[in-house]
Amino acid sequence: MKKWWQKSIIALVAVVTLGAISPNHEIWETLRDDKDQPKSYAEEERQQVVYDLVDPSEVYYQDRFILENVRKTAEEQAYLKFGSRIGPVIQGEFDSVIMPNIQRAIDLHLGELPAESLNRLAISEKPAGDYSEKIFHIYDSETNKDAIRFHVRTEKKPQEGFFFNFHYHLAEDDFQRHIELGDIYWSKNTPPKWLS
């Protein structure tokens, strides 16, 4: 069959069937000229070998999901601590600066733990109110020992005003060292109590 005639039929069928039978449909394989070489099995096998094999651990990596749940719960606990008076005021800066730092700290210090240890992790449910520092603690649910403590404290800097200082402590050094996450400026006025 002539090449132009074959292309015309293919285009006409594609238009009449509204694209149900496209020019790439396998029905057109039968209309090929004898000059066209049919695909060999060797070519098909080669094409199958070209596809990359996917490692199941890349698709379903359980540790990543555990850490993601920890991060989500951490954010919920932080907003619970802020309450309705502080939360809306600092939300933008908290989301863009502090929360990514909290996520990095969680990934850095908990990402190395074996899967069985990650499965036992839990987050404390009650942030401290009034002027207490505690936002949440990540702890081992079997031993009830804290692994990381995330805190925020209100600081008054002379001539500048009040800041919220976000930091965390690690069990490695018996929670002595403050590891800074960042500061958020409040104003020159005293901020309300947490959870309010």
C-alpha atoms as a PDB file:
ATOM      1  CA  MET A   1       0.000   0.000   0.000  1.00  0.00           C
ATOM      2  CA  LYS A   2       1.271   3.458  -0.800  1.00  0.00           C
ATOM      3  CA  LYS A   3       2.632   5.427   2.144  1.00  0.00           C
ATOM      4  CA  TRP A   4       0.406   8.487   1.552  1.00  0.00           C
ATOM      5  CA  TRP A   5      -2.704   6.283   1.280  1.00  0.00           C
ATOM      6  CA  GLN A   6      -1.802   4.522   4.541  1.00  0.00           C
ATOM      7  CA  LYS A   7      -1.287   7.829   6.348  1.00  0.00           C
ATOM      8  CA  SER A   8      -4.594   9.162   5.002  1.00  0.00           C
ATOM      9  CA  ILE A   9      -6.523   6.135   6.250  1.00  0.00           C
ATOM     10  CA  ILE A  10      -4.851   6.375   9.675  1.00  0.00           C
ATOM     11  CA  ALA A  11      -5.691  10.076   9.978  1.00  0.00           C
ATOM     12  CA  LEU A  12      -9.288   9.533   8.798  1.00  0.00           C
ATOM     13  CA  VAL A  13      -9.914   6.700  11.287  1.00  0.00           C
ATOM     14  CA  ALA A  14      -8.417   8.743  14.121  1.00  0.00           C
ATOM     15  CA  VAL A  15     -10.764  11.651  13.322  1.00  0.00           C
ATOM     16  CA  VAL A  16     -13.884   9.511  12.812  1.00  0.00           C
ATOM     17  CA  THR A  17     -13.332   7.542  16.050  1.00  0.00           C
ATOM     18  CA  LEU A  18     -12.597  10.768  17.938  1.00  0.00           C
ATOM     19  CA  GLY A  19      -9.182   9.485  18.897  1.00  0.00           C
ATOM     20  CA  ALA A  20     -10.334   6.087  20.184  1.00  0.00           C
ATOM     21  CA  ILE A  21      -8.083   4.477  17.582  1.00  0.00           C
ATOM     22  CA  SER A  22      -5.016   6.674  17.511  1.00  0.00           C
ATOM     23  CA  PRO A  23      -2.237   6.579  14.896  1.00  0.00           C
ATOM     24  CA  ASN A  24      -0.124   4.631  17.408  1.00  0.00           C
ATOM     25  CA  HIS A  25      -2.748   1.906  17.892  1.00  0.00           C
ATOM     26  CA  GLU A  26      -1.557  -1.643  17.191  1.00  0.00           C
ATOM     27  CA  ILE A  27      -4.295  -2.199  14.588  1.00  0.00           C
ATOM     28  CA  TRP A  28      -2.126  -0.316  12.104  1.00  0.00           C
ATOM     29  CA  GLU A  29       0.655  -2.887  12.368  1.00  0.00           C
ATOM     30  CA  THR A  30      -1.259  -5.080   9.886  1.00  0.00           C
ATOM     31  CA  LEU A  31      -1.272  -2.335   7.229  1.00  0.00           C
ATOM     32  CA  ARG A  32       2.488  -2.077   7.028  1.00  0.00           C
ATOM     33  CA  ASP A  33       4.237  -2.755   3.720  1.00  0.00           C
ATOM     34  CA  ASP A  34       6.323  -5.856   3.365  1.00  0.00           C
ATOM     35  CA  LYS A  35       9.340  -3.544   3.268  1.00  0.00           C
ATOM     36  CA  ASP A  36       8.763  -2.704   6.913  1.00  0.00           C
ATOM     37  CA  GLN A  37      10.507  -5.144   9.163  1.00  0.00           C
ATOM     38  CA  PRO A  38       8.376  -6.503  11.999  1.00  0.00           C
ATOM     39  CA  LYS A  39       9.799  -6.097  15.446  1.00  0.00           C
ATOM     40  CA  SER A  40      11.918  -8.999  16.529  1.00  0.00           C
ATOM     41  CA  TYR A  41      11.705 -10.647  19.914  1.00  0.00           C
ATOM     42  CA  ALA A  42      15.296  -9.621  20.560  1.00  0.00           C
ATOM     43  CA  GLU A  43      14.319  -5.944  20.294  1.00  0.00           C
ATOM     44  CA  GLU A  44      11.411  -6.460  22.680  1.00  0.00           C
ATOM     45  CA  GLU A  45      13.662  -8.189  25.199  1.00  0.00           C
ATOM     46  CA  ARG A  46      16.194  -5.389  24.955  1.00  0.00           C
ATOM     47  CA  GLN A  47      13.487  -2.824  25.640  1.00  0.00           C
ATOM     48  CA  GLN A  48      12.347  -4.715  28.717  1.00  0.00           C
ATOM     49  CA  VAL A  49      15.884  -4.809  30.098  1.00  0.00           C
ATOM     50  CA  VAL A  50      16.198  -1.040  29.711  1.00  0.00           C
ATOM     51  CA  TYR A  51      13.559  -0.382  32.412  1.00  0.00           C
ATOM     52  CA  ASP A  52      15.018   0.361  35.813  1.00  0.00           C
ATOM     53  CA  LEU A  53      14.211  -1.934  38.653  1.00  0.00           C
ATOM     54  CA  VAL A  54      12.725  -0.136  41.622  1.00  0.00           C
ATOM     55  CA  ASP A  55      14.050  -0.970  45.042  1.00  0.00           C
ATOM     56  CA  PRO A  56      11.044  -1.564  47.352  1.00  0.00           C
ATOM     57  CA  SER A  57      12.784   0.360  50.130  1.00  0.00           C
ATOM     58  CA  GLU A  58      12.657   3.479  47.933  1.00  0.00           C
ATOM     59  CA  VAL A  59       8.915   3.168  47.454  1.00  0.00           C
ATOM     60  CA  TYR A  60       7.961   2.206  50.978  1.00  0.00           C
ATOM     61  CA  TYR A  61      10.489   3.417  53.481  1.00  0.00           C
ATOM     62  CA  GLN A  62       8.857   2.946  56.857  1.00  0.00           C
ATOM     63  CA  ASP A  63      11.319   5.070  58.833  1.00  0.00           C
ATOM     64  CA  ARG A  64      10.505   8.076  56.674  1.00  0.00           C
ATOM     65  CA  PHE A  65       6.783   7.701  57.449  1.00  0.00           C
ATOM     66  CA  ILE A  66       7.440   7.404  61.171  1.00  0.00           C
ATOM     67  CA  LEU A  67       9.522  10.589  61.134  1.00  0.00           C
ATOM     68  CA  GLU A  68       6.861  12.347  59.034  1.00  0.00           C
ATOM     69  CA  ASN A  69       4.226  11.480  61.654  1.00  0.00           C
ATOM     70  CA  VAL A  70       6.523  12.771  64.393  1.00  0.00           C
ATOM     71  CA  ARG A  71       6.974  16.051  62.500  1.00  0.00           C
ATOM     72  CA  LYS A  72       3.219  16.499  61.963  1.00  0.00           C
ATOM     73  CA  THR A  73       2.455  15.848  65.612  1.00  0.00           C
ATOM     74  CA  ALA A  74       5.249  18.215  66.613  1.00  0.00           C
ATOM     75  CA  GLU A  75       3.663  21.012  64.597  1.00  0.00           C
ATOM     76  CA  GLU A  76       0.248  20.317  66.135  1.00  0.00           C
ATOM     77  CA  GLN A  77       1.703  20.447  69.649  1.00  0.00           C
ATOM     78  CA  ALA A  78       3.476  23.729  68.891  1.00  0.00           C
ATOM     79  CA  TYR A  79       0.248  25.403  67.763  1.00  0.00           C
ATOM     80  CA  LEU A  80      -1.541  23.996  70.782  1.00  0.00           C
ATOM     81  CA  LYS A  81       1.108  25.649  72.982  1.00  0.00           C
ATOM     82  CA  PHE A  82       0.774  28.998  71.185  1.00  0.00           C
ATOM     83  CA  GLY A  83      -2.948  29.165  71.778  1.00  0.00           C
ATOM     84  CA  SER A  84      -5.327  31.489  69.988  1.00  0.00           C
ATOM     85  CA  ARG A  85      -3.614  34.709  71.069  1.00  0.00           C
ATOM     86  CA  ILE A  86       0.034  33.999  70.182  1.00  0.00           C
ATOM     87  CA  GLY A  87      -0.420  31.513  67.311  1.00  0.00           C
ATOM     88  CA  PRO A  88      -1.955  33.806  64.685  1.00  0.00           C
ATOM     89  CA  VAL A  89       0.635  36.529  65.331  1.00  0.00           C
ATOM     90  CA  ILE A  90       3.750  34.354  64.929  1.00  0.00           C
ATOM     91  CA  GLN A  91       2.405  31.710  62.543  1.00  0.00           C
ATOM     92  CA  GLY A  92       4.096  32.995  59.375  1.00  0.00           C
ATOM     93  CA  GLU A  93       7.557  33.264  60.851  1.00  0.00           C
ATOM     94  CA  PHE A  94       7.145  30.020  62.790  1.00  0.00           C
ATOM     95  CA  ASP A  95       6.178  28.119  59.620  1.00  0.00           C
ATOM     96  CA  SER A  96       8.979  29.584  57.520  1.00  0.00           C
ATOM     97  CA  VAL A  97      11.866  29.643  60.017  1.00  0.00           C
ATOM     98  CA  ILE A  98      11.313  27.622  63.186  1.00  0.00           C
ATOM     99  CA  MET A  99       9.334  24.595  61.946  1.00  0.00           C
ATOM    100  CA  PRO A 100      11.884  23.701  59.228  1.00  0.00           C
ATOM    101  CA  ASN A 101      14.586  23.855  61.924  1.00  0.00           C
ATOM    102  CA  ILE A 102      12.525  21.574  64.184  1.00  0.00           C
ATOM    103  CA  GLN A 103      12.129  19.153  61.270  1.00  0.00           C
ATOM    104  CA  ARG A 104      15.878  19.212  60.603  1.00  0.00           C
ATOM    105  CA  ALA A 105      16.613  18.551  64.275  1.00  0.00           C
ATOM    106  CA  ILE A 106      14.200  15.611  64.317  1.00  0.00           C
ATOM    107  CA  ASP A 107      15.702  14.182  61.127  1.00  0.00           C
ATOM    108  CA  LEU A 108      19.261  14.751  62.327  1.00  0.00           C
ATOM    109  CA  HIS A 109      18.901  13.178  65.751  1.00  0.00           C
ATOM    110  CA  LEU A 110      16.256  10.529  65.124  1.00  0.00           C
ATOM    111  CA  GLY A 111      17.016   9.607  61.511  1.00  0.00           C
ATOM    112  CA  GLU A 112      19.953   7.458  62.587  1.00  0.00           C
ATOM    113  CA  LEU A 113      17.908   5.322  64.982  1.00  0.00           C
ATOM    114  CA  PRO A 114      17.084   1.738  64.009  1.00  0.00           C
ATOM    115  CA  ALA A 115      13.499   0.989  62.939  1.00  0.00           C
ATOM    116  CA  GLU A 116      12.569  -0.735  66.212  1.00  0.00           C
ATOM    117  CA  SER A 117      13.615   2.338  68.197  1.00  0.00           C
ATOM    118  CA  LEU A 118      11.696   4.643  65.850  1.00  0.00           C
ATOM    119  CA  ASN A 119       8.558   2.553  66.293  1.00  0.00           C
ATOM    120  CA  ARG A 120       8.688   3.140  70.052  1.00  0.00           C
ATOM    121  CA  LEU A 121       8.898   6.939  69.785  1.00  0.00           C
ATOM    122  CA  ALA A 122       6.053   9.062  71.067  1.00  0.00           C
ATOM    123  CA  ILE A 123       5.425  12.768  71.566  1.00  0.00           C
ATOM    124  CA  SER A 124       4.198  14.255  74.805  1.00  0.00           C
ATOM    125  CA  GLU A 125       0.599  15.387  74.481  1.00  0.00           C
ATOM    126  CA  LYS A 126       0.457  18.357  76.844  1.00  0.00           C
ATOM    127  CA  PRO A 127       2.524  21.465  76.245  1.00  0.00           C
ATOM    128  CA  ALA A 128       3.156  23.532  79.358  1.00  0.00           C
ATOM    129  CA  GLY A 129       1.079  26.672  79.937  1.00  0.00           C
ATOM    130  CA  ASP A 130       1.679  29.950  81.753  1.00  0.00           C
ATOM    131  CA  TYR A 131       5.328  30.899  81.215  1.00  0.00           C
ATOM    132  CA  SER A 132       6.798  27.370  81.179  1.00  0.00           C
ATOM    133  CA  GLU A 133       9.120  26.411  78.326  1.00  0.00           C
ATOM    134  CA  LYS A 134       7.966  22.945  77.253  1.00  0.00           C
ATOM    135  CA  ILE A 135       6.423  22.626  73.776  1.00  0.00           C
ATOM    136  CA  PHE A 136       6.787  18.847  73.449  1.00  0.00           C
ATOM    137  CA  HIS A 137       9.196  16.036  74.257  1.00  0.00           C
ATOM    138  CA  ILE A 138       9.955  13.067  72.037  1.00  0.00           C
ATOM    139  CA  TYR A 139      10.422   9.997  74.196  1.00  0.00           C
ATOM    140  CA  ASP A 140      10.726   6.208  74.115  1.00  0.00           C
ATOM    141  CA  SER A 141       7.273   4.850  74.945  1.00  0.00           C
ATOM    142  CA  GLU A 142       8.673   1.682  76.554  1.00  0.00           C
ATOM    143  CA  THR A 143      11.205   3.296  78.877  1.00  0.00           C
ATOM    144  CA  ASN A 144       9.465   6.699  79.185  1.00  0.00           C
ATOM    145  CA  LYS A 145      12.869   8.357  78.762  1.00  0.00           C
ATOM    146  CA  ASP A 146      13.044  11.568  76.756  1.00  0.00           C
ATOM    147  CA  ALA A 147      15.219  11.652  73.649  1.00  0.00           C
ATOM    148  CA  ILE A 148      14.700  15.291  72.637  1.00  0.00           C
ATOM    149  CA  ARG A 149      12.994  18.163  74.440  1.00  0.00           C
ATOM    150  CA  PHE A 150      11.704  21.093  72.394  1.00  0.00           C
ATOM    151  CA  HIS A 151      11.201  24.313  74.332  1.00  0.00           C
ATOM    152  CA  VAL A 152      10.373  27.964  73.818  1.00  0.00           C
ATOM    153  CA  ARG A 153      11.072  30.667  76.344  1.00  0.00           C
ATOM    154  CA  THR A 154      10.076  34.297  76.485  1.00  0.00           C
ATOM    155  CA  GLU A 155      13.067  36.625  76.660  1.00  0.00           C
ATOM    156  CA  LYS A 156      13.059  40.360  77.228  1.00  0.00           C
ATOM    157  CA  LYS A 157      15.949  42.081  75.486  1.00  0.00           C
ATOM    158  CA  PRO A 158      16.633  45.627  76.712  1.00  0.00           C
ATOM    159  CA  GLN A 159      15.626  48.351  74.265  1.00  0.00           C
ATOM    160  CA  GLU A 160      14.277  45.729  71.808  1.00  0.00           C
ATOM    161  CA  GLY A 161      11.300  44.045  73.424  1.00  0.00           C
ATOM    162  CA  PHE A 162      10.127  40.471  73.867  1.00  0.00           C
ATOM    163  CA  PHE A 163      11.307  37.522  71.804  1.00  0.00           C
ATOM    164  CA  PHE A 164      10.338  33.871  71.739  1.00  0.00           C
ATOM    165  CA  ASN A 165      13.516  31.799  71.833  1.00  0.00           C
ATOM    166  CA  PHE A 166      13.009  28.306  70.355  1.00  0.00           C
ATOM    167  CA  HIS A 167      15.570  25.671  71.279  1.00  0.00           C
ATOM    168  CA  TYR A 168      15.942  21.997  72.094  1.00  0.00           C
ATOM    169  CA  HIS A 169      17.876  19.742  74.452  1.00  0.00           C
ATOM    170  CA  LEU A 170      19.266  16.237  73.906  1.00  0.00           C
ATOM    171  CA  ALA A 171      19.512  13.240  76.207  1.00  0.00           C
ATOM    172  CA  GLU A 172      23.164  12.805  75.108  1.00  0.00           C
ATOM    173  CA  ASP A 173      24.332  15.621  77.383  1.00  0.00           C
ATOM    174  CA  ASP A 174      21.640  15.130  80.009  1.00  0.00           C
ATOM    175  CA  PHE A 175      19.597  18.027  78.528  1.00  0.00           C
ATOM    176  CA  GLN A 176      22.140  20.651  79.616  1.00  0.00           C
ATOM    177  CA  ARG A 177      23.006  22.353  76.326  1.00  0.00           C
ATOM    178  CA  HIS A 178      20.590  24.717  74.532  1.00  0.00           C
ATOM    179  CA  ILE A 179      20.613  24.105  70.784  1.00  0.00           C
ATOM    180  CA  GLU A 180      19.100  27.160  69.124  1.00  0.00           C
ATOM    181  CA  LEU A 181      16.318  26.873  66.556  1.00  0.00           C
ATOM    182  CA  GLY A 182      15.682  30.597  66.192  1.00  0.00           C
ATOM    183  CA  ASP A 183      13.974  33.643  67.683  1.00  0.00           C
ATOM    184  CA  ILE A 184      10.683  35.312  66.839  1.00  0.00           C
ATOM    185  CA  TYR A 185      10.071  38.909  67.831  1.00  0.00           C
ATOM    186  CA  TRP A 186       6.814  39.581  69.707  1.00  0.00           C
ATOM    187  CA  SER A 187       6.729  43.292  70.558  1.00  0.00           C
ATOM    188  CA  LYS A 188       7.692  45.635  73.370  1.00  0.00           C
ATOM    189  CA  ASN A 189       4.532  44.610  75.217  1.00  0.00           C
ATOM    190  CA  THR A 190       4.491  41.562  77.486  1.00  0.00           C
ATOM    191  CA  PRO A 191       3.165  38.532  75.546  1.00  0.00           C
ATOM    192  CA  PRO A 192       0.176  36.586  76.879  1.00  0.00           C
ATOM    193  CA  LYS A 193       0.646  33.298  78.709  1.00  0.00           C
ATOM    194  CA  TRP A 194       1.042  30.111  76.698  1.00  0.00           C
ATOM    195  CA  LEU A 195      -2.115  28.128  75.882  1.00  0.00           C
ATOM    196  CA  SER A 196      -4.235  31.272  76.169  1.00  0.00           C
END
